[in-house]
Amino acid sequence: HDPDRIYGFRFGTLEIKFTVSGEFLTVCFAEPIA
């Protein structure tokens, strides 16, 4: 539950990164994996 941490995972051929603060998840990166 660290609001300053950037989490990430692969979704198909994309790399997704996000943060979570309270009840809000904000995407901060979505790019094809090189």
Full PDB file with SEQRES, HELIX, SHEET, SSBOND, CRYST1, ORIGX, SCALE, CONECT and MASTER records, all heavy atoms in Angstrom:
SEQRES   1 A   34  HIS ASP PRO ASP ARG ILE TYR GLY PHE ARG PHE GLY THR          
SEQRES   2 A   34  LEU GLU ILE LYS PHE THR VAL SER GLY GLU PHE LEU THR          
SEQRES   3 A   34  VAL CYS PHE ALA GLU PRO ILE ALA                              
SHEET    1 AA1 3 TYR A   7  PHE A  11  0                                        
SHEET    2 AA1 3 LEU A  14  SER A  21 -1                                        
SHEET    3 AA1 3 PHE A  24  PRO A  32 -1                                        
CRYST1    1.000    1.000    1.000  90.00  90.00  90.00 P 1           1          
ORIGX1      1.000000  0.000000  0.000000        0.00000                         
ORIGX2      0.000000  1.000000  0.000000        0.00000                         
ORIGX3      0.000000  0.000000  1.000000        0.00000                         
SCALE1      1.000000  0.000000  0.000000        0.00000                         
SCALE2      0.000000  1.000000  0.000000        0.00000                         
SCALE3      0.000000  0.000000  1.000000        0.00000                         
ATOM      1  N   HIS A   1       0.831  -1.214   0.000  1.00  0.00           N  
ATOM      2  CA  HIS A   1       0.000   0.000   0.000  1.00  0.00           C  
ATOM      3  C   HIS A   1       0.863   1.261   0.000  1.00  0.00           C  
ATOM      4  O   HIS A   1       0.534   2.236   0.655  1.00  0.00           O  
ATOM      5  CB  HIS A   1      -0.918   0.002   1.226  1.00  0.00           C  
ATOM      6  CG  HIS A   1      -1.862  -1.150   1.254  1.00  0.00           C  
ATOM      7  ND1 HIS A   1      -2.971  -1.218   0.444  1.00  0.00           N  
ATOM      8  CD2 HIS A   1      -1.851  -2.289   1.963  1.00  0.00           C  
ATOM      9  CE1 HIS A   1      -3.599  -2.351   0.664  1.00  0.00           C  
ATOM     10  NE2 HIS A   1      -2.940  -3.026   1.582  1.00  0.00           N  
ATOM     11  N   ASP A   2       1.965   1.241  -0.724  1.00  0.00           N  
ATOM     12  CA  ASP A   2       2.871   2.385  -0.773  1.00  0.00           C  
ATOM     13  C   ASP A   2       2.436   3.326  -1.889  1.00  0.00           C  
ATOM     14  O   ASP A   2       2.593   3.010  -3.074  1.00  0.00           O  
ATOM     15  CB  ASP A   2       4.299   1.889  -1.008  1.00  0.00           C  
ATOM     16  CG  ASP A   2       5.323   3.011  -1.037  1.00  0.00           C  
ATOM     17  OD1 ASP A   2       4.931   4.192  -0.973  1.00  0.00           O  
ATOM     18  OD2 ASP A   2       6.521   2.699  -1.128  1.00  0.00           O  
ATOM     19  N   PRO A   3       1.875   4.513  -1.562  1.00  0.00           N  
ATOM     20  CA  PRO A   3       1.390   5.423  -2.613  1.00  0.00           C  
ATOM     21  C   PRO A   3       2.504   6.005  -3.476  1.00  0.00           C  
ATOM     22  O   PRO A   3       2.239   6.527  -4.555  1.00  0.00           O  
ATOM     23  CB  PRO A   3       0.661   6.528  -1.828  1.00  0.00           C  
ATOM     24  CG  PRO A   3       1.238   6.465  -0.459  1.00  0.00           C  
ATOM     25  CD  PRO A   3       1.654   5.043  -0.219  1.00  0.00           C  
ATOM     26  N   ASP A   4       3.768   5.905  -3.029  1.00  0.00           N  
ATOM     27  CA  ASP A   4       4.882   6.432  -3.812  1.00  0.00           C  
ATOM     28  C   ASP A   4       5.511   5.392  -4.727  1.00  0.00           C  
ATOM     29  O   ASP A   4       6.362   5.720  -5.550  1.00  0.00           O  
ATOM     30  CB  ASP A   4       5.966   6.989  -2.875  1.00  0.00           C  
ATOM     31  CG  ASP A   4       5.452   8.153  -2.053  1.00  0.00           C  
ATOM     32  OD1 ASP A   4       4.653   8.958  -2.585  1.00  0.00           O  
ATOM     33  OD2 ASP A   4       5.813   8.242  -0.865  1.00  0.00           O  
ATOM     34  N   ARG A   5       5.101   4.151  -4.586  1.00  0.00           N  
ATOM     35  CA  ARG A   5       5.693   3.074  -5.383  1.00  0.00           C  
ATOM     36  C   ARG A   5       5.066   3.018  -6.766  1.00  0.00           C  
ATOM     37  O   ARG A   5       3.855   3.195  -6.926  1.00  0.00           O  
ATOM     38  CB  ARG A   5       5.497   1.737  -4.680  1.00  0.00           C  
ATOM     39  CG  ARG A   5       6.119   0.587  -5.432  1.00  0.00           C  
ATOM     40  CD  ARG A   5       6.081  -0.675  -4.638  1.00  0.00           C  
ATOM     41  NE  ARG A   5       6.632  -1.770  -5.419  1.00  0.00           N  
ATOM     42  CZ  ARG A   5       6.815  -2.980  -4.977  1.00  0.00           C  
ATOM     43  NH1 ARG A   5       6.501  -3.281  -3.743  1.00  0.00           N  
ATOM     44  NH2 ARG A   5       7.302  -3.913  -5.755  1.00  0.00           N  
ATOM     45  N   ILE A   6       5.880   2.748  -7.763  1.00  0.00           N  
ATOM     46  CA  ILE A   6       5.385   2.514  -9.125  1.00  0.00           C  
ATOM     47  C   ILE A   6       5.385   1.008  -9.343  1.00  0.00           C  
ATOM     48  O   ILE A   6       6.421   0.345  -9.250  1.00  0.00           O  
ATOM     49  CB  ILE A   6       6.257   3.229 -10.172  1.00  0.00           C  
ATOM     50  CG1 ILE A   6       6.170   4.744  -9.967  1.00  0.00           C  
ATOM     51  CG2 ILE A   6       5.810   2.833 -11.587  1.00  0.00           C  
ATOM     52  CD1 ILE A   6       7.072   5.551 -10.884  1.00  0.00           C  
ATOM     53  N   TYR A   7       4.205   0.465  -9.595  1.00  0.00           N  
ATOM     54  CA  TYR A   7       4.022  -0.963  -9.836  1.00  0.00           C  
ATOM     55  C   TYR A   7       3.997  -1.187 -11.341  1.00  0.00           C  
ATOM     56  O   TYR A   7       3.695  -0.277 -12.117  1.00  0.00           O  
ATOM     57  CB  TYR A   7       2.706  -1.447  -9.223  1.00  0.00           C  
ATOM     58  CG  TYR A   7       2.623  -1.214  -7.737  1.00  0.00           C  
ATOM     59  CD1 TYR A   7       2.091  -0.044  -7.226  1.00  0.00           C  
ATOM     60  CD2 TYR A   7       3.099  -2.166  -6.849  1.00  0.00           C  
ATOM     61  CE1 TYR A   7       2.016   0.176  -5.860  1.00  0.00           C  
ATOM     62  CE2 TYR A   7       3.031  -1.965  -5.480  1.00  0.00           C  
ATOM     63  CZ  TYR A   7       2.490  -0.785  -4.993  1.00  0.00           C  
ATOM     64  OH  TYR A   7       2.425  -0.580  -3.647  1.00  0.00           O  
ATOM     65  N   GLY A   8       4.265  -2.399 -11.776  1.00  0.00           N  
ATOM     66  CA  GLY A   8       4.224  -2.674 -13.198  1.00  0.00           C  
ATOM     67  C   GLY A   8       4.035  -4.145 -13.494  1.00  0.00           C  
ATOM     68  O   GLY A   8       4.239  -5.005 -12.635  1.00  0.00           O  
ATOM     69  N   PHE A   9       3.602  -4.420 -14.715  1.00  0.00           N  
ATOM     70  CA  PHE A   9       3.445  -5.793 -15.189  1.00  0.00           C  
ATOM     71  C   PHE A   9       3.351  -5.767 -16.708  1.00  0.00           C  
ATOM     72  O   PHE A   9       3.168  -4.715 -17.320  1.00  0.00           O  
ATOM     73  CB  PHE A   9       2.201  -6.458 -14.577  1.00  0.00           C  
ATOM     74  CG  PHE A   9       0.896  -5.812 -14.951  1.00  0.00           C  
ATOM     75  CD1 PHE A   9       0.137  -6.291 -16.014  1.00  0.00           C  
ATOM     76  CD2 PHE A   9       0.407  -4.738 -14.230  1.00  0.00           C  
ATOM     77  CE1 PHE A   9      -1.073  -5.698 -16.350  1.00  0.00           C  
ATOM     78  CE2 PHE A   9      -0.802  -4.142 -14.555  1.00  0.00           C  
ATOM     79  CZ  PHE A   9      -1.545  -4.624 -15.622  1.00  0.00           C  
ATOM     80  N   ARG A  10       3.503  -6.934 -17.297  1.00  0.00           N  
ATOM     81  CA  ARG A  10       3.332  -7.082 -18.748  1.00  0.00           C  
ATOM     82  C   ARG A  10       1.895  -7.472 -19.030  1.00  0.00           C  
ATOM     83  O   ARG A  10       1.321  -8.324 -18.353  1.00  0.00           O  
ATOM     84  CB  ARG A  10       4.272  -8.134 -19.298  1.00  0.00           C  
ATOM     85  CG  ARG A  10       5.698  -7.691 -19.278  1.00  0.00           C  
ATOM     86  CD  ARG A  10       6.593  -8.705 -19.928  1.00  0.00           C  
ATOM     87  NE  ARG A  10       7.930  -8.147 -20.037  1.00  0.00           N  
ATOM     88  CZ  ARG A  10       8.839  -8.582 -20.864  1.00  0.00           C  
ATOM     89  NH1 ARG A  10       8.578  -9.594 -21.661  1.00  0.00           N  
ATOM     90  NH2 ARG A  10      10.024  -8.028 -20.904  1.00  0.00           N  
ATOM     91  N   PHE A  11       1.330  -6.851 -20.022  1.00  0.00           N  
ATOM     92  CA  PHE A  11      -0.026  -7.161 -20.470  1.00  0.00           C  
ATOM     93  C   PHE A  11       0.070  -7.406 -21.963  1.00  0.00           C  
ATOM     94  O   PHE A  11       0.165  -6.466 -22.755  1.00  0.00           O  
ATOM     95  CB  PHE A  11      -0.979  -6.002 -20.147  1.00  0.00           C  
ATOM     96  CG  PHE A  11      -2.410  -6.277 -20.494  1.00  0.00           C  
ATOM     97  CD1 PHE A  11      -3.191  -7.080 -19.676  1.00  0.00           C  
ATOM     98  CD2 PHE A  11      -2.983  -5.729 -21.630  1.00  0.00           C  
ATOM     99  CE1 PHE A  11      -4.520  -7.328 -19.983  1.00  0.00           C  
ATOM    100  CE2 PHE A  11      -4.311  -5.976 -21.949  1.00  0.00           C  
ATOM    101  CZ  PHE A  11      -5.077  -6.770 -21.123  1.00  0.00           C  
ATOM    102  N   GLY A  12       0.104  -8.675 -22.359  1.00  0.00           N  
ATOM    103  CA  GLY A  12       0.328  -8.996 -23.770  1.00  0.00           C  
ATOM    104  C   GLY A  12       1.699  -8.502 -24.178  1.00  0.00           C  
ATOM    105  O   GLY A  12       2.713  -8.845 -23.567  1.00  0.00           O  
ATOM    106  N   THR A  13       1.748  -7.636 -25.176  1.00  0.00           N  
ATOM    107  CA  THR A  13       3.015  -7.091 -25.647  1.00  0.00           C  
ATOM    108  C   THR A  13       3.285  -5.693 -25.089  1.00  0.00           C  
ATOM    109  O   THR A  13       4.128  -4.971 -25.598  1.00  0.00           O  
ATOM    110  CB  THR A  13       3.029  -7.028 -27.188  1.00  0.00           C  
ATOM    111  OG1 THR A  13       1.954  -6.188 -27.624  1.00  0.00           O  
ATOM    112  CG2 THR A  13       2.894  -8.421 -27.791  1.00  0.00           C  
ATOM    113  N   LEU A  14       2.548  -5.309 -24.042  1.00  0.00           N  
ATOM    114  CA  LEU A  14       2.692  -3.983 -23.447  1.00  0.00           C  
ATOM    115  C   LEU A  14       3.325  -4.055 -22.069  1.00  0.00           C  
ATOM    116  O   LEU A  14       3.135  -5.026 -21.330  1.00  0.00           O  
ATOM    117  CB  LEU A  14       1.317  -3.317 -23.298  1.00  0.00           C  
ATOM    118  CG  LEU A  14       0.512  -3.091 -24.565  1.00  0.00           C  
ATOM    119  CD1 LEU A  14      -0.907  -2.708 -24.222  1.00  0.00           C  
ATOM    120  CD2 LEU A  14       1.165  -2.001 -25.400  1.00  0.00           C  
ATOM    121  N   GLU A  15       4.045  -3.016 -21.710  1.00  0.00           N  
ATOM    122  CA  GLU A  15       4.492  -2.842 -20.338  1.00  0.00           C  
ATOM    123  C   GLU A  15       3.606  -1.763 -19.729  1.00  0.00           C  
ATOM    124  O   GLU A  15       3.475  -0.667 -20.276  1.00  0.00           O  
ATOM    125  CB  GLU A  15       5.962  -2.414 -20.280  1.00  0.00           C  
ATOM    126  CG  GLU A  15       6.457  -2.262 -18.856  1.00  0.00           C  
ATOM    127  CD  GLU A  15       7.932  -1.914 -18.780  1.00  0.00           C  
ATOM    128  OE1 GLU A  15       8.595  -1.841 -19.830  1.00  0.00           O  
ATOM    129  OE2 GLU A  15       8.406  -1.709 -17.664  1.00  0.00           O  
ATOM    130  N   ILE A  16       2.983  -2.087 -18.604  1.00  0.00           N  
ATOM    131  CA  ILE A  16       2.068  -1.170 -17.925  1.00  0.00           C  
ATOM    132  C   ILE A  16       2.675  -0.808 -16.576  1.00  0.00           C  
ATOM    133  O   ILE A  16       3.131  -1.684 -15.841  1.00  0.00           O  
ATOM    134  CB  ILE A  16       0.681  -1.822 -17.700  1.00  0.00           C  
ATOM    135  CG1 ILE A  16       0.100  -2.361 -19.012  1.00  0.00           C  
ATOM    136  CG2 ILE A  16      -0.267  -0.846 -17.023  1.00  0.00           C  
ATOM    137  CD1 ILE A  16      -0.151  -1.324 -20.082  1.00  0.00           C  
ATOM    138  N   LYS A  17       2.678   0.476 -16.230  1.00  0.00           N  
ATOM    139  CA  LYS A  17       3.134   0.930 -14.920  1.00  0.00           C  
ATOM    140  C   LYS A  17       2.053   1.826 -14.331  1.00  0.00           C  
ATOM    141  O   LYS A  17       1.373   2.563 -15.056  1.00  0.00           O  
ATOM    142  CB  LYS A  17       4.460   1.664 -15.022  1.00  0.00           C  
ATOM    143  CG  LYS A  17       5.591   0.739 -15.445  1.00  0.00           C  
ATOM    144  CD  LYS A  17       6.923   1.418 -15.399  1.00  0.00           C  
ATOM    145  CE  LYS A  17       8.014   0.427 -15.808  1.00  0.00           C  
ATOM    146  NZ  LYS A  17       9.335   1.018 -15.796  1.00  0.00           N  
ATOM    147  N   PHE A  18       1.914   1.766 -12.990  1.00  0.00           N  
ATOM    148  CA  PHE A  18       0.844   2.514 -12.340  1.00  0.00           C  
ATOM    149  C   PHE A  18       1.191   2.784 -10.886  1.00  0.00           C  
ATOM    150  O   PHE A  18       2.079   2.156 -10.317  1.00  0.00           O  
ATOM    151  CB  PHE A  18      -0.477   1.749 -12.436  1.00  0.00           C  
ATOM    152  CG  PHE A  18      -0.455   0.413 -11.748  1.00  0.00           C  
ATOM    153  CD1 PHE A  18      -0.874   0.274 -10.425  1.00  0.00           C  
ATOM    154  CD2 PHE A  18       0.002  -0.719 -12.412  1.00  0.00           C  
ATOM    155  CE1 PHE A  18      -0.845  -0.956  -9.790  1.00  0.00           C  
ATOM    156  CE2 PHE A  18       0.027  -1.955 -11.781  1.00  0.00           C  
ATOM    157  CZ  PHE A  18      -0.390  -2.075 -10.470  1.00  0.00           C  
ATOM    158  N   THR A  19       0.479   3.735 -10.319  1.00  0.00           N  
ATOM    159  CA  THR A  19       0.563   4.021  -8.890  1.00  0.00           C  
ATOM    160  C   THR A  19      -0.839   3.860  -8.310  1.00  0.00           C  
ATOM    161  O   THR A  19      -1.840   3.916  -9.044  1.00  0.00           O  
ATOM    162  CB  THR A  19       1.071   5.445  -8.612  1.00  0.00           C  
ATOM    163  OG1 THR A  19       0.165   6.378  -9.198  1.00  0.00           O  
ATOM    164  CG2 THR A  19       2.467   5.664  -9.171  1.00  0.00           C  
ATOM    165  N   VAL A  20      -0.911   3.671  -6.996  1.00  0.00           N  
ATOM    166  CA  VAL A  20      -2.197   3.570  -6.319  1.00  0.00           C  
ATOM    167  C   VAL A  20      -2.149   4.466  -5.096  1.00  0.00           C  
ATOM    168  O   VAL A  20      -1.241   4.362  -4.273  1.00  0.00           O  
ATOM    169  CB  VAL A  20      -2.531   2.130  -5.900  1.00  0.00           C  
ATOM    170  CG1 VAL A  20      -3.868   2.076  -5.171  1.00  0.00           C  
ATOM    171  CG2 VAL A  20      -2.553   1.210  -7.111  1.00  0.00           C  
ATOM    172  N   SER A  21      -3.134   5.342  -5.003  1.00  0.00           N  
ATOM    173  CA  SER A  21      -3.277   6.208  -3.834  1.00  0.00           C  
ATOM    174  C   SER A  21      -4.725   6.113  -3.389  1.00  0.00           C  
ATOM    175  O   SER A  21      -5.640   6.498  -4.134  1.00  0.00           O  
ATOM    176  CB  SER A  21      -2.908   7.648  -4.182  1.00  0.00           C  
ATOM    177  OG  SER A  21      -3.027   8.466  -3.037  1.00  0.00           O  
ATOM    178  N   GLY A  22      -4.924   5.565  -2.199  1.00  0.00           N  
ATOM    179  CA  GLY A  22      -6.288   5.375  -1.721  1.00  0.00           C  
ATOM    180  C   GLY A  22      -7.035   4.424  -2.636  1.00  0.00           C  
ATOM    181  O   GLY A  22      -6.577   3.314  -2.902  1.00  0.00           O  
ATOM    182  N   GLU A  23      -8.158   4.863  -3.152  1.00  0.00           N  
ATOM    183  CA  GLU A  23      -8.984   4.032  -4.027  1.00  0.00           C  
ATOM    184  C   GLU A  23      -8.776   4.345  -5.511  1.00  0.00           C  
ATOM    185  O   GLU A  23      -9.575   3.936  -6.349  1.00  0.00           O  
ATOM    186  CB  GLU A  23     -10.465   4.192  -3.660  1.00  0.00           C  
ATOM    187  CG  GLU A  23     -10.797   3.677  -2.273  1.00  0.00           C  
ATOM    188  CD  GLU A  23     -10.476   2.193  -2.111  1.00  0.00           C  
ATOM    189  OE1 GLU A  23     -10.931   1.390  -2.946  1.00  0.00           O  
ATOM    190  OE2 GLU A  23      -9.759   1.841  -1.161  1.00  0.00           O  
ATOM    191  N   PHE A  24      -7.702   5.077  -5.832  1.00  0.00           N  
ATOM    192  CA  PHE A  24      -7.451   5.468  -7.215  1.00  0.00           C  
ATOM    193  C   PHE A  24      -6.161   4.846  -7.735  1.00  0.00           C  
ATOM    194  O   PHE A  24      -5.093   4.991  -7.135  1.00  0.00           O  
ATOM    195  CB  PHE A  24      -7.368   6.997  -7.343  1.00  0.00           C  
ATOM    196  CG  PHE A  24      -8.671   7.669  -7.095  1.00  0.00           C  
ATOM    197  CD1 PHE A  24      -9.033   8.061  -5.815  1.00  0.00           C  
ATOM    198  CD2 PHE A  24      -9.556   7.883  -8.137  1.00  0.00           C  
ATOM    199  CE1 PHE A  24     -10.249   8.666  -5.580  1.00  0.00           C  
ATOM    200  CE2 PHE A  24     -10.769   8.492  -7.919  1.00  0.00           C  
ATOM    201  CZ  PHE A  24     -11.123   8.881  -6.631  1.00  0.00           C  
ATOM    202  N   LEU A  25      -6.250   4.159  -8.860  1.00  0.00           N  
ATOM    203  CA  LEU A  25      -5.100   3.609  -9.566  1.00  0.00           C  
ATOM    204  C   LEU A  25      -4.873   4.494 -10.783  1.00  0.00           C  
ATOM    205  O   LEU A  25      -5.793   4.695 -11.584  1.00  0.00           O  
ATOM    206  CB  LEU A  25      -5.371   2.169 -10.001  1.00  0.00           C  
ATOM    207  CG  LEU A  25      -4.247   1.469 -10.761  1.00  0.00           C  
ATOM    208  CD1 LEU A  25      -4.281  -0.024 -10.465  1.00  0.00           C  
ATOM    209  CD2 LEU A  25      -4.317   1.699 -12.258  1.00  0.00           C  
ATOM    210  N   THR A  26      -3.674   5.045 -10.910  1.00  0.00           N  
ATOM    211  CA  THR A  26      -3.351   5.936 -12.025  1.00  0.00           C  
ATOM    212  C   THR A  26      -2.268   5.314 -12.886  1.00  0.00           C  
ATOM    213  O   THR A  26      -1.170   4.997 -12.402  1.00  0.00           O  
ATOM    214  CB  THR A  26      -2.877   7.307 -11.508  1.00  0.00           C  
ATOM    215  OG1 THR A  26      -3.896   7.860 -10.671  1.00  0.00           O  
ATOM    216  CG2 THR A  26      -2.602   8.258 -12.663  1.00  0.00           C  
ATOM    217  N   VAL A  27      -2.565   5.123 -14.159  1.00  0.00           N  
ATOM    218  CA  VAL A  27      -1.587   4.590 -15.103  1.00  0.00           C  
ATOM    219  C   VAL A  27      -0.581   5.690 -15.406  1.00  0.00           C  
ATOM    220  O   VAL A  27      -0.953   6.820 -15.723  1.00  0.00           O  
ATOM    221  CB  VAL A  27      -2.275   4.099 -16.392  1.00  0.00           C  
ATOM    222  CG1 VAL A  27      -1.236   3.662 -17.423  1.00  0.00           C  
ATOM    223  CG2 VAL A  27      -3.242   2.966 -16.076  1.00  0.00           C  
ATOM    224  N   CYS A  28       0.718   5.362 -15.292  1.00  0.00           N  
ATOM    225  CA  CYS A  28       1.761   6.352 -15.557  1.00  0.00           C  
ATOM    226  C   CYS A  28       2.686   5.922 -16.696  1.00  0.00           C  
ATOM    227  O   CYS A  28       3.654   6.628 -17.000  1.00  0.00           O  
ATOM    228  CB  CYS A  28       2.552   6.658 -14.290  1.00  0.00           C  
ATOM    229  SG  CYS A  28       3.299   5.248 -13.490  1.00  0.00           S  
ATOM    230  N   PHE A  29       2.371   4.774 -17.329  1.00  0.00           N  
ATOM    231  CA  PHE A  29       3.197   4.314 -18.446  1.00  0.00           C  
ATOM    232  C   PHE A  29       2.476   3.166 -19.136  1.00  0.00           C  
ATOM    233  O   PHE A  29       1.950   2.283 -18.474  1.00  0.00           O  
ATOM    234  CB  PHE A  29       4.559   3.831 -17.930  1.00  0.00           C  
ATOM    235  CG  PHE A  29       5.526   3.435 -19.005  1.00  0.00           C  
ATOM    236  CD1 PHE A  29       6.310   4.377 -19.633  1.00  0.00           C  
ATOM    237  CD2 PHE A  29       5.665   2.104 -19.373  1.00  0.00           C  
ATOM    238  CE1 PHE A  29       7.227   4.006 -20.620  1.00  0.00           C  
ATOM    239  CE2 PHE A  29       6.565   1.724 -20.357  1.00  0.00           C  
ATOM    240  CZ  PHE A  29       7.355   2.689 -20.979  1.00  0.00           C  
ATOM    241  N   ALA A  30       2.422   3.198 -20.443  1.00  0.00           N  
ATOM    242  CA  ALA A  30       1.854   2.096 -21.234  1.00  0.00           C  
ATOM    243  C   ALA A  30       2.544   2.136 -22.593  1.00  0.00           C  
ATOM    244  O   ALA A  30       2.252   2.993 -23.415  1.00  0.00           O  
ATOM    245  CB  ALA A  30       0.344   2.260 -21.390  1.00  0.00           C  
ATOM    246  N   GLU A  31       3.468   1.217 -22.791  1.00  0.00           N  
ATOM    247  CA  GLU A  31       4.260   1.188 -24.029  1.00  0.00           C  
ATOM    248  C   GLU A  31       4.444  -0.241 -24.497  1.00  0.00           C  
ATOM    249  O   GLU A  31       4.534  -1.157 -23.666  1.00  0.00           O  
ATOM    250  CB  GLU A  31       5.640   1.796 -23.788  1.00  0.00           C  
ATOM    251  CG  GLU A  31       5.672   3.279 -23.563  1.00  0.00           C  
ATOM    252  CD  GLU A  31       5.554   4.086 -24.856  1.00  0.00           C  
ATOM    253  OE1 GLU A  31       5.694   3.500 -25.944  1.00  0.00           O  
ATOM    254  OE2 GLU A  31       5.311   5.292 -24.746  1.00  0.00           O  
ATOM    255  N   PRO A  32       4.562  -0.456 -25.806  1.00  0.00           N  
ATOM    256  CA  PRO A  32       4.926  -1.776 -26.305  1.00  0.00           C  
ATOM    257  C   PRO A  32       6.302  -2.168 -25.770  1.00  0.00           C  
ATOM    258  O   PRO A  32       7.184  -1.321 -25.603  1.00  0.00           O  
ATOM    259  CB  PRO A  32       4.957  -1.610 -27.811  1.00  0.00           C  
ATOM    260  CG  PRO A  32       4.112  -0.411 -28.087  1.00  0.00           C  
ATOM    261  CD  PRO A  32       4.287   0.486 -26.894  1.00  0.00           C  
ATOM    262  N   ILE A  33       6.478  -3.438 -25.497  1.00  0.00           N  
ATOM    263  CA  ILE A  33       7.761  -3.947 -25.027  1.00  0.00           C  
ATOM    264  C   ILE A  33       8.698  -4.022 -26.212  1.00  0.00           C  
ATOM    265  O   ILE A  33       8.361  -4.585 -27.257  1.00  0.00           O  
ATOM    266  CB  ILE A  33       7.583  -5.331 -24.376  1.00  0.00           C  
ATOM    267  CG1 ILE A  33       6.672  -5.210 -23.160  1.00  0.00           C  
ATOM    268  CG2 ILE A  33       8.939  -5.925 -23.990  1.00  0.00           C  
ATOM    269  CD1 ILE A  33       6.199  -6.532 -22.603  1.00  0.00           C  
ATOM    270  N   ALA A  34       9.854  -3.423 -26.039  1.00  0.00           N  
ATOM    271  CA  ALA A  34      10.817  -3.356 -27.152  1.00  0.00           C  
ATOM    272  C   ALA A  34      11.458  -4.710 -27.393  1.00  0.00           C  
ATOM    273  O   ALA A  34      11.641  -5.522 -26.593  1.00  0.00           O  
ATOM    274  CB  ALA A  34      11.886  -2.322 -26.866  1.00  0.00           C  
TER     275      ALA A  34                                                      
MASTER        0    0    0    0    3    0    0    6  274    1    0    3          
END                                                                             
